[in-house]
């Protein structure tokens, strides 16, 4: 069963052991002035339910996923740019890159995703939010 999220929120699923992903989550939290996002790791119960529902290969999931209240899922560069579109100015201007065809955007996205552990490292366990941020995270 898919999680219900409030109409005014979107759920970002991220690799909980990836240092780049964890830094990106912190960046989004800092720049999400309208409180538009909730978060869950791809490895957690919520993430695994969504991955299974959309038949996403767990072995090939090296992307952030954006899950909407309408039960739609976006991945790779589209997810990143849709997230950016909800952030404060001037970060929201990054959404202009949505005009570039996804097969071009995703070449760059996939290159970074493929090398993220080598360049940024990884943790032994998933990120645990602080008490003040816990309400933004689903297990």
Protein backbone atom coordinates (compact mmCIF):
# COMPACT_ATOMS: atom_id res chain seq x y z
CA UNK A 1 0.00 0.00 0.00
CA UNK A 2 1.31 3.41 -0.97
CA UNK A 3 1.66 6.06 1.71
CA UNK A 4 -0.76 8.94 1.76
CA UNK A 5 1.00 12.25 1.85
CA UNK A 6 -0.65 15.63 2.34
CA UNK A 7 -1.77 17.45 -0.82
CA UNK A 8 0.70 20.26 -0.21
CA UNK A 9 3.71 17.91 0.17
CA UNK A 10 5.88 15.76 -2.04
CA UNK A 11 8.02 12.88 -0.82
CA UNK A 12 11.70 12.74 -1.75
CA UNK A 13 13.16 9.22 -1.64
CA UNK A 14 16.94 9.25 -1.36
CA UNK A 15 19.83 6.83 -0.87
CA UNK A 16 20.21 6.91 2.90
CA UNK A 17 23.85 5.77 2.90
CA UNK A 18 25.08 8.14 0.17
CA UNK A 19 26.97 11.19 1.45
CA UNK A 20 26.03 13.25 -1.62
CA UNK A 21 22.37 12.31 -1.21
CA UNK A 22 22.37 13.14 2.49
CA UNK A 23 24.00 16.50 1.78
CA UNK A 24 21.41 17.13 -0.92
CA UNK A 25 18.59 16.39 1.54
CA UNK A 26 20.09 18.88 4.00
CA UNK A 27 20.36 21.43 1.18
CA UNK A 28 16.70 20.94 0.22
CA UNK A 29 15.58 21.27 3.86
CA UNK A 30 17.54 24.52 4.20
CA UNK A 31 16.05 25.97 0.99
CA UNK A 32 12.50 24.60 1.28
CA UNK A 33 10.95 27.75 2.71
CA UNK A 34 7.39 26.65 1.87
CA UNK A 35 7.85 23.31 3.68
CA UNK A 36 6.91 21.39 0.51
CA UNK A 37 8.84 18.17 1.11
CA UNK A 38 8.90 15.06 3.22
CA UNK A 39 11.77 12.57 3.05
CA UNK A 40 12.33 8.83 3.23
CA UNK A 41 15.32 6.67 2.44
CA UNK A 42 15.12 4.24 -0.45
CA UNK A 43 16.18 1.52 2.01
CA UNK A 44 13.37 2.18 4.52
CA UNK A 45 9.88 0.66 4.66
CA UNK A 46 8.21 3.57 2.87
CA UNK A 47 10.87 3.67 0.16
CA UNK A 48 10.72 -0.07 -0.43
CA UNK A 49 6.91 -0.04 -0.67
CA UNK A 50 7.00 2.69 -3.30
CA UNK A 51 9.82 0.99 -5.24
CA UNK A 52 7.91 -2.29 -5.24
CA UNK A 53 4.62 -0.65 -6.24
CA UNK A 54 6.22 0.98 -9.29
CA UNK A 55 8.26 -2.17 -10.11
CA UNK A 56 11.56 -0.32 -9.88
CA UNK A 57 14.58 -2.64 -9.90
CA UNK A 58 16.19 -2.29 -6.45
CA UNK A 59 19.59 -3.22 -7.87
CA UNK A 60 19.44 -0.36 -10.38
CA UNK A 61 17.96 2.33 -8.17
CA UNK A 62 20.74 4.89 -7.97
CA UNK A 63 18.47 7.85 -8.25
CA UNK A 64 16.40 10.11 -6.13
CA UNK A 65 12.70 9.56 -6.58
CA UNK A 66 9.97 12.15 -6.17
CA UNK A 67 6.57 10.80 -5.12
CA UNK A 68 3.55 13.10 -5.37
CA UNK A 69 0.17 13.12 -3.61
CA UNK A 70 -1.34 12.09 -6.97
CA UNK A 71 0.66 8.82 -6.65
CA UNK A 72 3.03 9.73 -9.48
CA UNK A 73 6.73 8.97 -9.39
CA UNK A 74 9.56 10.90 -11.01
CA UNK A 75 13.21 9.93 -11.13
CA UNK A 76 16.65 11.08 -12.13
CA UNK A 77 17.04 14.57 -13.59
CA UNK A 78 13.28 15.17 -13.79
CA UNK A 79 12.91 14.53 -10.05
CA UNK A 80 15.89 16.79 -9.25
CA UNK A 81 14.58 19.64 -11.39
CA UNK A 82 11.02 19.32 -10.08
CA UNK A 83 12.44 19.51 -6.57
CA UNK A 84 14.47 22.59 -7.51
CA UNK A 85 11.31 24.22 -8.89
CA UNK A 86 9.84 24.24 -5.35
CA UNK A 87 12.90 25.77 -3.68
CA UNK A 88 13.50 29.43 -2.98
CA UNK A 89 14.71 31.88 -5.61
CA UNK A 90 17.10 31.65 -7.48
CA UNK A 91 17.32 27.85 -7.10
CA UNK A 92 13.85 27.47 -8.58
CA UNK A 93 15.23 28.85 -11.86
CA UNK A 94 17.05 25.53 -12.38
CA UNK A 95 13.72 24.15 -13.55
CA UNK A 96 14.36 25.91 -16.87
CA UNK A 97 16.52 22.87 -17.71
CA UNK A 98 13.32 20.83 -18.01
CA UNK A 99 13.17 22.13 -21.59
CA UNK A 100 16.24 20.01 -22.39
CA UNK A 101 15.21 16.49 -23.45
CA UNK A 102 15.48 13.99 -20.59
CA UNK A 103 17.80 11.65 -22.50
CA UNK A 104 20.38 14.47 -22.55
CA UNK A 105 19.80 15.58 -18.93
CA UNK A 106 19.92 11.99 -17.71
CA UNK A 107 23.35 11.36 -19.26
CA UNK A 108 24.80 13.93 -16.86
CA UNK A 109 22.62 12.78 -13.96
CA UNK A 110 23.55 9.11 -14.48
CA UNK A 111 27.27 9.92 -14.64
CA UNK A 112 27.11 11.67 -11.27
CA UNK A 113 24.90 8.93 -9.76
CA UNK A 114 27.26 6.20 -10.95
CA UNK A 115 30.27 7.89 -9.34
CA UNK A 116 28.69 9.34 -6.21
CA UNK A 117 30.16 6.79 -3.78
CA UNK A 118 33.63 7.11 -5.30
CA UNK A 119 33.57 10.92 -5.20
CA UNK A 120 31.63 11.55 -1.98
CA UNK A 121 31.76 8.27 -0.06
CA UNK A 122 29.03 6.44 1.78
CA UNK A 123 27.94 5.73 5.32
CA UNK A 124 27.53 2.33 6.98
CA UNK A 125 23.94 3.12 7.96
CA UNK A 126 21.10 5.35 6.77
CA UNK A 127 20.88 8.98 7.80
CA UNK A 128 19.01 9.62 11.03
CA UNK A 129 17.33 13.03 11.31
CA UNK A 130 17.69 15.24 14.35
CA UNK A 131 14.70 15.49 16.69
CA UNK A 132 13.73 18.87 15.23
CA UNK A 133 13.67 17.42 11.68
CA UNK A 134 12.11 14.05 12.54
CA UNK A 135 8.61 15.19 11.49
CA UNK A 136 9.87 15.64 7.91
CA UNK A 137 10.97 11.99 7.61
CA UNK A 138 8.98 8.82 7.03
CA UNK A 139 10.46 5.45 7.98
